[in-house]
Amino acid sequence: MSMTKFNSSSRALLGATALAVAGLSVFAGTPAFASTESSNFSITMSGTNSVQADGLDSWGDDDGGSMAVTANGVIVQDDNAAKLLNATTLDNPADVTITDQQGNALVNDLSTNTAYAFEWNTDTGISYSALDEIGADGTPTSTVINLSEVVNATDKTCVVMASGWSRIALWDKCANVLYDIDLPSGDVTTVNDINPVSTWGDNYPYYDNSEADSYDDLGVVEYQDGVYSIVAAADNSYESAIGFDRYVLNAPFVARDVVFAAASTNDTYKFTLDCNAGRWYGYSESGQVFADQGSTDESLFAADATCTHSASSTPAAKKKLANTGSSDAYALIGAAMVLAGAAAVRRRKVNR
């Protein structure tokens, strides 16, 4: 089976820029991060037009795993199985062919409703190397996006996997680092000096350490002119989610903002959005998410949401150079300066 692979092309940009500065004609593919601006993006969540489907443990077991939206429905990975459910009614579970490992690391590009599964391993801490595209029917496609660099996080209990608009983010809560993954290029930007979770006291995204094989902390990454926020389930005690809150990560302290206050939930760590349909989806083990619905029991739920996006005043290329201190960036500048100087010397010799 043929396989499509995307790789970061920063070195191609280096050569093209240096030659262009030297006054030579070049033709090269422009990498995504150089040709487009980052999109400002934010969400709202409500309990309007709520739907709830109970008893999902009839085909699964427990609330481990992750979830993602496709054009055909919502993929939900439970402890023992993954199913594709009708996005409107949250029923009619159909088998999908993703592996348990893929099902434990599902995310979305919210700009396209494309689902991906991280390629990851836990040989040392946890590392992420690529994104496997998942088709609308829940079948992996031949497209694999290789990350420009392997992301090494502290361990799986520390990571929030966040879906975003033309980006995926990995928030390492233990190391106070955010990894911003551009889509579809796979280019990774490391954002340091993230606010520690202690900033918000006991109310922050909490991972249940007892779920040994699952990656339950899912969220959404927002972006506003260089400032990142994560919307995720907030806990005020062990396995006691109080709703979904916004955490501003790389700006001076901002109190957490309640995006949606649940009536009562337990063991709620995953949710995603369908920006095209204006809906958000979540999963809860027990409790009561919506006031107009009954208590949950291994339940999937959905309600109205809004997604707002616009062009950012911070171009993605500028953001990459500012945040990573990339050696390629300095090499690009140095090479351009050297070739520009060489061109000037040649012109002086001709003029003589």
Protein backbone atom coordinates (compact mmCIF):
# COMPACT_ATOMS: atom_id res chain seq x y z
CA MET A 1 0.00 0.00 0.00
CA SER A 2 1.40 3.39 -1.00
CA MET A 3 1.80 5.87 1.81
CA THR A 4 1.68 9.66 1.65
CA LYS A 5 4.12 11.36 4.01
CA PHE A 6 4.46 15.03 4.90
CA ASN A 7 7.68 16.40 6.33
CA SER A 8 8.82 19.78 7.57
CA SER A 9 10.58 21.73 4.81
CA SER A 10 12.45 24.34 6.82
CA ARG A 11 15.76 23.36 5.15
CA ALA A 12 14.22 23.83 1.71
CA LEU A 13 13.15 27.30 2.83
CA LEU A 14 16.72 27.92 4.02
CA GLY A 15 18.21 27.18 0.63
CA ALA A 16 15.54 29.01 -1.32
CA THR A 17 15.80 32.14 0.82
CA ALA A 18 19.60 32.24 0.67
CA LEU A 19 19.62 31.90 -3.11
CA ALA A 20 16.90 34.51 -3.49
CA VAL A 21 18.88 36.99 -1.39
CA ALA A 22 21.93 36.31 -3.57
CA GLY A 23 19.92 37.46 -6.58
CA LEU A 24 19.40 34.03 -8.19
CA SER A 25 16.12 32.70 -9.49
CA VAL A 26 14.76 29.78 -7.52
CA PHE A 27 11.70 27.57 -7.60
CA ALA A 28 10.80 25.67 -4.47
CA GLY A 29 7.70 24.48 -2.69
CA THR A 30 6.75 26.94 0.04
CA PRO A 31 6.27 25.27 3.42
CA ALA A 32 2.91 25.73 5.08
CA PHE A 33 4.26 27.72 8.00
CA ALA A 34 5.82 30.29 5.68
CA SER A 35 2.88 30.77 3.35
CA THR A 36 -0.01 31.12 5.78
CA GLU A 37 -0.75 32.91 8.99
CA SER A 38 -1.83 31.18 12.17
CA SER A 39 -5.55 31.39 12.76
CA ASN A 40 -6.95 32.94 15.90
CA PHE A 41 -9.45 30.45 17.22
CA SER A 42 -11.83 30.21 20.17
CA ILE A 43 -14.89 28.20 21.18
CA THR A 44 -18.03 28.41 23.25
CA MET A 45 -19.98 25.45 24.66
CA SER A 46 -23.60 25.26 25.81
CA GLY A 47 -26.22 22.78 26.97
CA THR A 48 -28.65 23.76 24.22
CA ASN A 49 -30.16 20.96 22.10
CA SER A 50 -28.51 18.37 24.31
CA VAL A 51 -28.46 14.68 23.45
CA GLN A 52 -27.29 11.84 25.68
CA ALA A 53 -26.75 8.14 24.98
CA ASP A 54 -26.37 5.87 28.00
CA GLY A 55 -25.11 2.37 28.46
CA LEU A 56 -22.13 2.49 26.12
CA ASP A 57 -20.52 -0.19 28.27
CA SER A 58 -22.75 -2.64 26.37
CA TRP A 59 -20.09 -2.69 23.63
CA GLY A 60 -17.12 -1.38 25.58
CA ASP A 61 -16.11 -1.68 29.18
CA ASP A 62 -15.07 1.58 30.78
CA ASP A 63 -14.27 5.16 29.85
CA GLY A 64 -10.63 4.71 28.82
CA GLY A 65 -9.42 5.84 25.42
CA SER A 66 -10.14 8.92 23.37
CA MET A 67 -12.60 10.27 20.80
CA ALA A 68 -12.69 12.20 17.53
CA VAL A 69 -15.19 13.47 14.97
CA THR A 70 -15.28 12.46 11.31
CA ALA A 71 -17.63 13.34 8.46
CA ASN A 72 -19.55 10.13 9.21
CA GLY A 73 -19.92 10.39 12.98
CA VAL A 74 -18.05 10.23 16.28
CA ILE A 75 -15.33 7.66 16.98
CA VAL A 76 -15.17 6.62 20.62
CA GLN A 77 -12.49 4.30 22.01
CA ASP A 78 -13.52 2.54 25.20
CA ASP A 79 -11.28 0.27 27.27
CA ASN A 80 -11.84 -2.69 24.97
CA ALA A 81 -13.27 -1.44 21.69
CA ALA A 82 -13.69 1.50 19.32
CA LYS A 83 -16.97 2.34 17.59
CA LEU A 84 -18.27 4.92 15.14
CA LEU A 85 -21.56 6.40 16.35
CA ASN A 86 -24.17 8.53 14.63
CA ALA A 87 -23.29 12.15 15.41
CA THR A 88 -26.93 13.25 15.70
CA THR A 89 -28.44 10.47 17.79
CA LEU A 90 -25.25 9.04 19.35
CA ASP A 91 -26.38 5.49 18.60
CA ASN A 92 -25.96 2.78 15.93
CA PRO A 93 -22.40 1.85 16.93
CA ALA A 94 -20.40 0.46 14.00
CA ASP A 95 -17.08 -1.36 14.16
CA VAL A 96 -13.94 0.53 13.11
CA THR A 97 -10.53 -0.85 12.24
CA ILE A 98 -8.23 1.35 14.31
CA THR A 99 -5.95 -0.34 16.82
CA ASP A 100 -6.32 0.18 20.55
CA GLN A 101 -3.10 2.19 20.49
CA GLN A 102 -4.54 4.52 17.84
CA GLY A 103 -7.84 4.69 19.71
CA ASN A 104 -6.03 5.88 22.81
CA ALA A 105 -4.58 8.90 20.99
CA LEU A 106 -7.31 10.36 18.74
CA VAL A 107 -7.38 14.07 17.92
CA ASN A 108 -9.01 16.36 15.32
CA ASP A 109 -8.05 19.09 12.93
CA LEU A 110 -11.14 21.17 13.67
CA SER A 111 -10.76 23.19 10.46
CA THR A 112 -11.42 20.11 8.31
CA ASN A 113 -13.05 17.59 10.68
CA THR A 114 -10.15 15.27 9.91
CA ALA A 115 -9.37 12.72 12.59
CA TYR A 116 -5.82 11.64 13.40
CA ALA A 117 -4.19 9.16 15.75
CA PHE A 118 -0.77 9.84 17.23
CA GLU A 119 2.01 7.32 16.74
CA TRP A 120 3.47 7.06 20.22
CA ASN A 121 5.53 4.83 22.48
CA THR A 122 6.42 4.70 26.14
CA ASP A 123 9.98 3.38 25.98
CA THR A 124 11.15 6.48 27.87
CA GLY A 125 8.44 8.71 29.28
CA ILE A 126 6.15 9.09 26.29
CA SER A 127 7.11 10.20 22.80
CA TYR A 128 5.06 11.22 19.78
CA SER A 129 6.48 10.91 16.27
CA ALA A 130 3.67 11.07 13.70
CA LEU A 131 -0.05 11.45 13.05
CA ASP A 132 -1.98 8.73 11.19
CA GLU A 133 -4.98 10.06 9.31
CA ILE A 134 -8.25 8.28 10.10
CA GLY A 135 -10.87 8.17 7.35
CA ALA A 136 -14.51 9.17 7.72
CA ASP A 137 -15.53 5.54 8.27
CA GLY A 138 -12.94 5.01 11.01
CA THR A 139 -10.43 3.24 8.78
CA PRO A 140 -6.82 4.51 8.78
CA THR A 141 -5.85 6.01 5.41
CA SER A 142 -2.44 5.86 3.73
CA THR A 143 -1.60 9.41 4.87
CA VAL A 144 0.95 9.75 7.68
CA ILE A 145 2.16 13.17 8.85
CA ASN A 146 5.65 12.85 10.30
CA LEU A 147 6.37 15.42 12.99
CA SER A 148 9.34 17.68 12.26
CA GLU A 149 10.79 16.49 15.56
CA VAL A 150 9.87 13.76 18.01
CA VAL A 151 8.01 15.18 20.99
CA ASN A 152 9.26 13.69 24.25
CA ALA A 153 6.91 14.34 27.16
CA THR A 154 7.30 13.49 30.84
CA ASP A 155 4.87 10.56 30.88
CA LYS A 156 1.36 9.76 29.75
CA THR A 157 -0.27 10.99 32.95
CA CYS A 158 1.07 14.49 32.25
CA VAL A 159 -0.22 15.10 28.74
CA VAL A 160 -3.36 16.84 27.49
CA MET A 161 -3.94 16.14 23.79
CA ALA A 162 -5.75 19.14 22.33
CA SER A 163 -7.49 19.44 18.96
CA GLY A 164 -7.30 22.81 17.24
CA TRP A 165 -7.84 24.82 14.08
CA SER A 166 -5.14 23.61 11.65
CA ARG A 167 -3.07 22.55 14.65
CA ILE A 168 -2.80 19.91 17.35
CA ALA A 169 -1.26 20.70 20.74
CA LEU A 170 0.35 18.53 23.39
CA TRP A 171 0.40 20.16 26.82
CA ASP A 172 2.93 18.56 29.15
CA LYS A 173 1.52 19.70 32.49
CA CYS A 174 4.47 18.28 34.42
CA ALA A 175 7.17 20.05 32.38
CA ASN A 176 5.23 23.30 31.78
CA VAL A 177 5.70 23.00 28.02
CA LEU A 178 3.30 23.17 25.08
CA TYR A 179 4.07 21.56 21.72
CA ASP A 180 2.20 23.22 18.85
CA ILE A 181 1.91 20.93 15.82
CA ASP A 182 1.01 22.67 12.56
CA LEU A 183 -1.30 20.87 10.16
CA PRO A 184 -0.82 19.55 7.61
CA SER A 185 2.96 20.17 7.66
CA GLY A 186 3.67 18.46 11.00
CA ASP A 187 6.01 21.31 11.96
CA VAL A 188 6.50 21.41 15.75
CA THR A 189 6.88 24.64 17.72
CA THR A 190 7.95 24.30 21.36
CA VAL A 191 6.40 26.91 23.65
CA ASN A 192 8.23 27.16 26.97
CA ASP A 193 7.43 29.02 30.20
CA ILE A 194 3.88 27.71 30.38
CA ASN A 195 1.96 28.56 33.53
CA PRO A 196 2.21 25.60 35.96
CA VAL A 197 -1.01 23.80 36.85
CA SER A 198 -0.54 24.95 40.46
CA THR A 199 -1.55 28.38 39.13
CA TRP A 200 -5.15 27.22 39.27
CA GLY A 201 -5.00 25.43 42.63
CA ASP A 202 -6.90 22.15 42.64
CA ASN A 203 -8.95 23.04 39.55
CA TYR A 204 -7.06 21.85 36.52
CA PRO A 205 -7.27 19.00 33.98
CA TYR A 206 -6.74 15.85 35.98
CA TYR A 207 -5.60 12.50 34.68
CA ASP A 208 -6.79 9.31 36.39
CA ASN A 209 -3.58 7.38 37.03
CA SER A 210 -5.53 4.14 37.44
CA GLU A 211 -6.38 4.14 33.71
CA ALA A 212 -3.04 2.54 32.88
CA ASP A 213 -3.52 2.12 29.14
CA SER A 214 -5.62 5.14 28.21
CA TYR A 215 -5.04 8.77 27.36
CA ASP A 216 -8.14 10.36 28.77
CA ASP A 217 -7.14 14.01 28.97
CA LEU A 218 -8.50 15.48 25.75
CA GLY A 219 -9.11 19.15 25.13
CA VAL A 220 -9.23 21.94 22.58
CA VAL A 221 -6.40 24.39 21.95
CA GLU A 222 -7.34 28.02 21.34
CA TYR A 223 -4.98 30.63 19.91
CA GLN A 224 -5.01 34.43 19.99
CA ASP A 225 -2.04 36.29 18.46
CA GLY A 226 0.61 34.12 20.10
CA VAL A 227 -1.32 33.28 23.30
CA TYR A 228 -2.40 29.67 23.77
CA SER A 229 -5.31 28.45 25.89
CA ILE A 230 -6.52 24.92 26.55
CA VAL A 231 -10.18 24.11 27.17
CA ALA A 232 -10.49 20.84 29.10
CA ALA A 233 -12.48 19.13 31.82
CA ALA A 234 -11.65 20.66 35.21
CA ASP A 235 -11.53 18.61 38.40
CA ASN A 236 -11.82 19.84 41.96
CA SER A 237 -11.07 16.44 43.46
CA TYR A 238 -10.27 12.89 42.41
CA GLU A 239 -12.49 11.92 39.48
CA SER A 240 -14.91 14.76 40.13
CA ALA A 241 -15.13 16.96 37.04
CA ILE A 242 -16.95 20.23 37.57
CA GLY A 243 -17.25 21.22 33.93
CA PHE A 244 -15.02 22.47 31.15
CA ASP A 245 -12.69 25.38 31.81
CA ARG A 246 -10.30 27.56 29.84
CA TYR A 247 -6.64 27.73 30.95
CA VAL A 248 -4.51 30.54 29.50
CA LEU A 249 -1.06 29.01 29.27
CA ASN A 250 1.59 31.49 28.14
CA ALA A 251 0.37 34.86 29.41
CA PRO A 252 0.47 36.43 32.88
CA PHE A 253 -1.89 34.69 35.27
CA VAL A 254 -5.50 34.68 34.13
CA ALA A 255 -8.09 33.05 36.35
CA ARG A 256 -9.63 29.97 34.78
CA ASP A 257 -12.76 30.72 32.81
CA VAL A 258 -15.72 28.35 33.00
CA VAL A 259 -16.67 27.52 29.40
CA PHE A 260 -19.42 25.06 30.36
CA ALA A 261 -20.59 24.19 33.87
CA ALA A 262 -21.85 20.61 34.10
CA ALA A 263 -24.66 19.75 36.48
CA SER A 264 -22.57 16.92 37.92
CA THR A 265 -20.06 14.61 36.31
CA ASN A 266 -17.66 11.89 37.27
CA ASP A 267 -14.67 10.56 35.35
CA THR A 268 -15.03 13.00 32.47
CA TYR A 269 -11.77 13.62 30.66
CA LYS A 270 -12.49 13.68 26.96
CA PHE A 271 -14.37 15.85 24.54
CA THR A 272 -14.08 17.24 21.02
CA LEU A 273 -15.98 19.49 18.62
CA ASP A 274 -17.52 19.48 15.18
CA CYS A 275 -17.11 23.09 14.09
CA ASN A 276 -19.03 22.46 10.85
CA ALA A 277 -22.11 21.25 12.70
CA GLY A 278 -21.66 23.55 15.70
CA ARG A 279 -21.68 20.69 18.21
CA TRP A 280 -19.46 19.47 21.02
CA TYR A 281 -19.19 15.86 22.21
CA GLY A 282 -18.08 14.41 25.51
CA TYR A 283 -18.00 11.20 27.52
CA SER A 284 -18.78 10.65 31.18
CA GLU A 285 -18.80 7.61 33.43
CA SER A 286 -21.54 8.83 35.76
CA GLY A 287 -23.25 11.92 37.12
CA GLN A 288 -25.46 14.39 35.27
CA VAL A 289 -23.97 16.60 32.59
CA PHE A 290 -27.10 18.44 31.44
CA ALA A 291 -29.86 19.64 33.72
CA ASP A 292 -32.51 18.45 31.23
CA GLN A 293 -31.04 14.95 30.94
CA GLY A 294 -30.87 12.09 33.39
CA SER A 295 -27.79 10.76 35.15
CA THR A 296 -25.05 9.26 33.01
CA ASP A 297 -23.74 5.71 32.98
CA GLU A 298 -20.83 5.31 30.57
CA SER A 299 -22.53 7.95 28.44
CA LEU A 300 -21.79 9.95 25.34
CA PHE A 301 -23.35 13.40 25.19
CA ALA A 302 -23.53 16.36 22.81
CA ALA A 303 -24.85 19.91 22.66
CA ASP A 304 -24.44 23.14 20.70
CA ALA A 305 -21.10 24.93 20.38
CA THR A 306 -19.59 27.74 18.34
CA CYS A 307 -16.16 28.02 16.74
CA THR A 308 -14.73 31.43 15.89
CA HIS A 309 -11.59 31.86 13.79
CA SER A 310 -9.82 34.68 11.98
CA ALA A 311 -6.38 35.52 10.63
CA SER A 312 -3.82 36.21 13.34
CA SER A 313 -1.57 39.26 13.39
CA THR A 314 1.27 36.87 14.30
CA PRO A 315 2.39 35.01 11.14
CA ALA A 316 3.19 31.37 11.81
CA ALA A 317 6.73 31.71 10.44
CA LYS A 318 7.46 34.62 12.78
CA LYS A 319 5.99 32.62 15.67
CA LYS A 320 8.24 29.68 14.85
CA LEU A 321 11.41 31.77 14.84
CA ALA A 322 10.46 33.59 18.03
CA ASN A 323 9.49 30.55 20.08
CA THR A 324 11.92 27.82 19.11
CA GLY A 325 15.29 29.52 18.71
CA SER A 326 15.67 27.02 15.87
CA SER A 327 19.20 26.48 14.60
CA ASP A 328 17.71 26.32 11.10
CA ALA A 329 16.40 29.84 11.60
CA TYR A 330 19.85 31.17 12.48
CA ALA A 331 21.41 29.14 9.68
CA LEU A 332 18.94 30.69 7.25
CA ILE A 333 19.84 34.21 8.36
CA GLY A 334 23.58 33.47 8.30
CA ALA A 335 23.48 31.83 4.87
CA ALA A 336 21.47 34.70 3.45
CA MET A 337 23.93 37.23 4.83
CA VAL A 338 26.95 35.33 3.47
CA LEU A 339 25.51 34.95 -0.01
CA ALA A 340 24.29 38.54 -0.07
CA GLY A 341 27.83 39.67 0.85
CA ALA A 342 29.34 37.47 -1.83
CA ALA A 343 27.01 38.97 -4.40
CA ALA A 344 28.03 42.47 -3.34
CA VAL A 345 31.74 41.58 -3.70
CA ARG A 346 31.15 40.25 -7.21
CA ARG A 347 29.32 43.45 -8.19
CA ARG A 348 32.19 45.59 -6.89
CA LYS A 349 34.71 43.59 -8.96
CA VAL A 350 32.60 44.02 -12.10
CA ASN A 351 32.28 47.77 -11.54
CA ARG A 352 36.05 48.10 -11.33
